[in-house]
Amino acid sequence: MYPYLASVSPYPNSALSAGQLALIAVVPVLALAAWLILVFVADRGPRHRAAAGTTSVPQQPRVQEQQEQELEEPERKAA
């Protein structure tokens, strides 16, 4: 019949080389590490860095805030 069909098998060779097996193991581990790093960085609070020549908004002292709250809500007497 046809001599070239004798070497063709209906079952493919499923053996993987050592490099392919290492790649299969390394890629998910690197993806997990990258994901964990991104989650850690996203969870951190933002850093407040002032650029040169800029000023920040002045903070009001807590005493002033307490006085404002007292003016807005007078103390209630117990019944």
N, C-alpha and C. Protein backbone atom coordinates (compact mmCIF):
# COMPACT_ATOMS: atom_id res chain seq x y z
N MET A 1 0.82 -1.18 0.00
CA MET A 1 0.00 0.00 0.00
C MET A 1 0.87 1.25 0.00
N TYR A 2 0.62 2.14 0.95
CA TYR A 2 1.39 3.37 1.03
C TYR A 2 2.43 3.24 2.15
N PRO A 3 3.70 3.30 1.84
CA PRO A 3 4.73 3.07 2.87
C PRO A 3 4.79 4.21 3.91
N TYR A 4 4.40 5.43 3.55
CA TYR A 4 4.52 6.53 4.52
C TYR A 4 3.41 6.48 5.58
N LEU A 5 2.33 5.75 5.38
CA LEU A 5 1.27 5.63 6.37
C LEU A 5 1.64 4.67 7.49
N ALA A 6 2.65 3.84 7.30
CA ALA A 6 3.03 2.86 8.31
C ALA A 6 3.65 3.55 9.53
N SER A 7 4.30 4.73 9.34
CA SER A 7 4.95 5.41 10.46
C SER A 7 4.01 6.38 11.19
N VAL A 8 2.83 6.59 10.65
CA VAL A 8 1.88 7.52 11.29
C VAL A 8 1.04 6.73 12.27
N SER A 9 0.98 7.25 13.50
CA SER A 9 0.22 6.58 14.55
C SER A 9 -1.02 7.43 14.88
N PRO A 10 -2.14 6.79 15.14
CA PRO A 10 -3.33 7.55 15.52
C PRO A 10 -3.22 8.13 16.94
N TYR A 11 -2.23 7.69 17.71
CA TYR A 11 -2.03 8.17 19.08
C TYR A 11 -0.82 9.11 19.11
N PRO A 12 -1.03 10.37 19.48
CA PRO A 12 0.11 11.30 19.50
C PRO A 12 1.05 11.01 20.66
N ASN A 13 2.28 11.47 20.54
CA ASN A 13 3.27 11.29 21.59
C ASN A 13 2.96 12.30 22.70
N SER A 14 2.60 11.80 23.87
CA SER A 14 2.20 12.69 24.95
C SER A 14 3.32 12.93 25.96
N ALA A 15 4.51 12.42 25.69
CA ALA A 15 5.62 12.63 26.60
C ALA A 15 6.11 14.08 26.47
N LEU A 16 6.27 14.75 27.61
CA LEU A 16 6.75 16.13 27.61
C LEU A 16 8.21 16.16 28.04
N SER A 17 8.93 17.11 27.50
CA SER A 17 10.34 17.25 27.89
C SER A 17 10.43 17.87 29.28
N ALA A 18 11.61 17.81 29.87
CA ALA A 18 11.82 18.36 31.21
C ALA A 18 11.60 19.88 31.20
N GLY A 19 11.98 20.54 30.13
CA GLY A 19 11.78 21.99 30.04
C GLY A 19 10.31 22.36 30.00
N GLN A 20 9.53 21.58 29.29
CA GLN A 20 8.08 21.85 29.24
C GLN A 20 7.43 21.60 30.59
N LEU A 21 7.84 20.53 31.27
CA LEU A 21 7.29 20.26 32.60
C LEU A 21 7.67 21.36 33.59
N ALA A 22 8.91 21.85 33.50
CA ALA A 22 9.34 22.94 34.38
C ALA A 22 8.54 24.20 34.09
N LEU A 23 8.27 24.47 32.83
CA LEU A 23 7.49 25.64 32.46
C LEU A 23 6.06 25.53 32.99
N ILE A 24 5.50 24.33 32.93
CA ILE A 24 4.14 24.11 33.44
C ILE A 24 4.11 24.36 34.95
N ALA A 25 5.19 24.06 35.64
CA ALA A 25 5.23 24.26 37.09
C ALA A 25 5.54 25.71 37.46
N VAL A 26 6.40 26.38 36.69
CA VAL A 26 6.87 27.72 37.05
C VAL A 26 5.85 28.79 36.73
N VAL A 27 5.15 28.71 35.62
CA VAL A 27 4.23 29.77 35.20
C VAL A 27 3.11 30.00 36.23
N PRO A 28 2.43 28.98 36.74
CA PRO A 28 1.39 29.26 37.75
C PRO A 28 1.96 29.82 39.06
N VAL A 29 3.14 29.37 39.45
CA VAL A 29 3.76 29.88 40.67
C VAL A 29 4.09 31.35 40.51
N LEU A 30 4.65 31.75 39.38
CA LEU A 30 4.95 33.17 39.13
C LEU A 30 3.67 34.00 39.04
N ALA A 31 2.64 33.46 38.44
CA ALA A 31 1.37 34.19 38.34
C ALA A 31 0.76 34.40 39.73
N LEU A 32 0.83 33.39 40.58
CA LEU A 32 0.31 33.51 41.95
C LEU A 32 1.12 34.54 42.74
N ALA A 33 2.44 34.50 42.60
CA ALA A 33 3.29 35.47 43.30
C ALA A 33 2.99 36.90 42.84
N ALA A 34 2.82 37.10 41.55
CA ALA A 34 2.50 38.43 41.03
C ALA A 34 1.15 38.90 41.54
N TRP A 35 0.18 38.01 41.57
CA TRP A 35 -1.15 38.37 42.07
C TRP A 35 -1.10 38.76 43.54
N LEU A 36 -0.37 37.99 44.35
CA LEU A 36 -0.26 38.31 45.77
C LEU A 36 0.42 39.66 45.99
N ILE A 37 1.45 39.95 45.20
CA ILE A 37 2.14 41.23 45.31
C ILE A 37 1.19 42.37 44.94
N LEU A 38 0.43 42.20 43.88
CA LEU A 38 -0.52 43.25 43.47
C LEU A 38 -1.60 43.47 44.53
N VAL A 39 -2.07 42.41 45.15
CA VAL A 39 -3.08 42.55 46.21
C VAL A 39 -2.48 43.27 47.41
N PHE A 40 -1.24 42.95 47.76
CA PHE A 40 -0.59 43.61 48.89
C PHE A 40 -0.38 45.09 48.61
N VAL A 41 0.06 45.43 47.40
CA VAL A 41 0.29 46.83 47.04
C VAL A 41 -1.03 47.59 47.00
N ALA A 42 -2.09 46.98 46.51
CA ALA A 42 -3.38 47.65 46.43
C ALA A 42 -3.97 47.88 47.82
N ASP A 43 -3.65 47.03 48.79
CA ASP A 43 -4.19 47.14 50.13
C ASP A 43 -3.50 48.23 50.94
N ARG A 44 -2.29 48.59 50.58
CA ARG A 44 -1.56 49.61 51.32
C ARG A 44 -2.23 50.97 51.17
N GLY A 45 -2.10 51.78 52.19
CA GLY A 45 -2.66 53.13 52.14
C GLY A 45 -1.82 54.00 51.21
N PRO A 46 -2.43 55.03 50.66
CA PRO A 46 -1.68 55.91 49.76
C PRO A 46 -0.64 56.71 50.54
N ARG A 47 0.48 56.94 49.91
CA ARG A 47 1.53 57.76 50.52
C ARG A 47 1.25 59.21 50.17
N HIS A 48 1.40 60.07 51.16
CA HIS A 48 1.17 61.49 50.94
C HIS A 48 2.53 62.17 50.79
N ARG A 49 2.90 62.43 49.57
CA ARG A 49 4.15 63.12 49.29
C ARG A 49 3.82 64.48 48.70
N ALA A 50 4.35 65.51 49.32
CA ALA A 50 4.13 66.86 48.81
C ALA A 50 5.22 67.18 47.80
N ALA A 51 4.81 67.71 46.68
CA ALA A 51 5.78 68.11 45.66
C ALA A 51 6.49 69.38 46.12
N ALA A 52 7.64 69.61 45.58
CA ALA A 52 8.42 70.80 45.95
C ALA A 52 7.66 72.06 45.55
N GLY A 53 7.60 73.00 46.49
CA GLY A 53 6.95 74.27 46.20
C GLY A 53 5.46 74.28 46.44
N THR A 54 4.90 73.21 46.95
CA THR A 54 3.47 73.18 47.22
C THR A 54 3.25 73.20 48.73
N THR A 55 2.10 73.67 49.11
CA THR A 55 1.77 73.68 50.53
C THR A 55 0.55 72.82 50.75
N SER A 56 0.47 72.25 51.92
CA SER A 56 -0.68 71.43 52.25
C SER A 56 -1.77 72.28 52.88
N VAL A 57 -2.96 71.74 52.92
CA VAL A 57 -4.08 72.44 53.54
C VAL A 57 -3.82 72.48 55.04
N PRO A 58 -3.93 73.64 55.67
CA PRO A 58 -3.67 73.70 57.11
C PRO A 58 -4.71 72.90 57.89
N GLN A 59 -4.22 72.18 58.87
CA GLN A 59 -5.10 71.35 59.68
C GLN A 59 -5.68 72.19 60.81
N GLN A 60 -6.96 72.03 61.07
CA GLN A 60 -7.58 72.74 62.17
C GLN A 60 -7.36 71.96 63.45
N PRO A 61 -7.12 72.64 64.54
CA PRO A 61 -6.92 71.92 65.80
C PRO A 61 -8.22 71.28 66.26
N ARG A 62 -8.10 70.22 67.03
CA ARG A 62 -9.26 69.48 67.51
C ARG A 62 -10.12 70.33 68.44
N VAL A 63 -9.53 71.28 69.12
CA VAL A 63 -10.29 72.12 70.05
C VAL A 63 -11.35 72.89 69.28
N GLN A 64 -11.00 73.40 68.15
CA GLN A 64 -11.94 74.17 67.35
C GLN A 64 -13.10 73.29 66.87
N GLU A 65 -12.80 72.05 66.49
CA GLU A 65 -13.84 71.13 66.05
C GLU A 65 -14.80 70.81 67.19
N GLN A 66 -14.27 70.63 68.40
CA GLN A 66 -15.12 70.33 69.54
C GLN A 66 -16.03 71.51 69.88
N GLN A 67 -15.49 72.71 69.76
CA GLN A 67 -16.31 73.89 70.04
C GLN A 67 -17.45 74.01 69.03
N GLU A 68 -17.18 73.71 67.78
CA GLU A 68 -18.21 73.77 66.76
C GLU A 68 -19.31 72.74 67.02
N GLN A 69 -18.92 71.55 67.46
CA GLN A 69 -19.90 70.52 67.75
C GLN A 69 -20.76 70.90 68.94
N GLU A 70 -20.17 71.55 69.93
CA GLU A 70 -20.94 71.97 71.09
C GLU A 70 -21.95 73.04 70.71
N LEU A 71 -21.60 73.91 69.78
CA LEU A 71 -22.52 74.94 69.35
C LEU A 71 -23.69 74.35 68.55
N GLU A 72 -23.41 73.35 67.77
CA GLU A 72 -24.43 72.74 66.94
C GLU A 72 -25.39 71.88 67.76
N GLU A 73 -24.87 71.11 68.71
CA GLU A 73 -25.68 70.21 69.51
C GLU A 73 -25.54 70.57 70.98
N PRO A 74 -26.49 71.34 71.53
CA PRO A 74 -26.39 71.66 72.96
C PRO A 74 -26.64 70.41 73.81
N GLU A 75 -26.07 70.43 74.98
CA GLU A 75 -26.23 69.28 75.88
C GLU A 75 -27.68 69.17 76.32
N ARG A 76 -28.17 67.96 76.44
CA ARG A 76 -29.54 67.72 76.87
C ARG A 76 -29.54 67.36 78.34
N LYS A 77 -30.53 67.84 79.02
CA LYS A 77 -30.64 67.54 80.45
C LYS A 77 -31.34 66.20 80.63
N ALA A 78 -30.90 65.48 81.62
CA ALA A 78 -31.50 64.18 81.90
C ALA A 78 -32.89 64.36 82.47
N ALA A 79 -33.80 63.50 82.12
CA ALA A 79 -35.19 63.63 82.59
C ALA A 79 -35.38 63.06 83.96
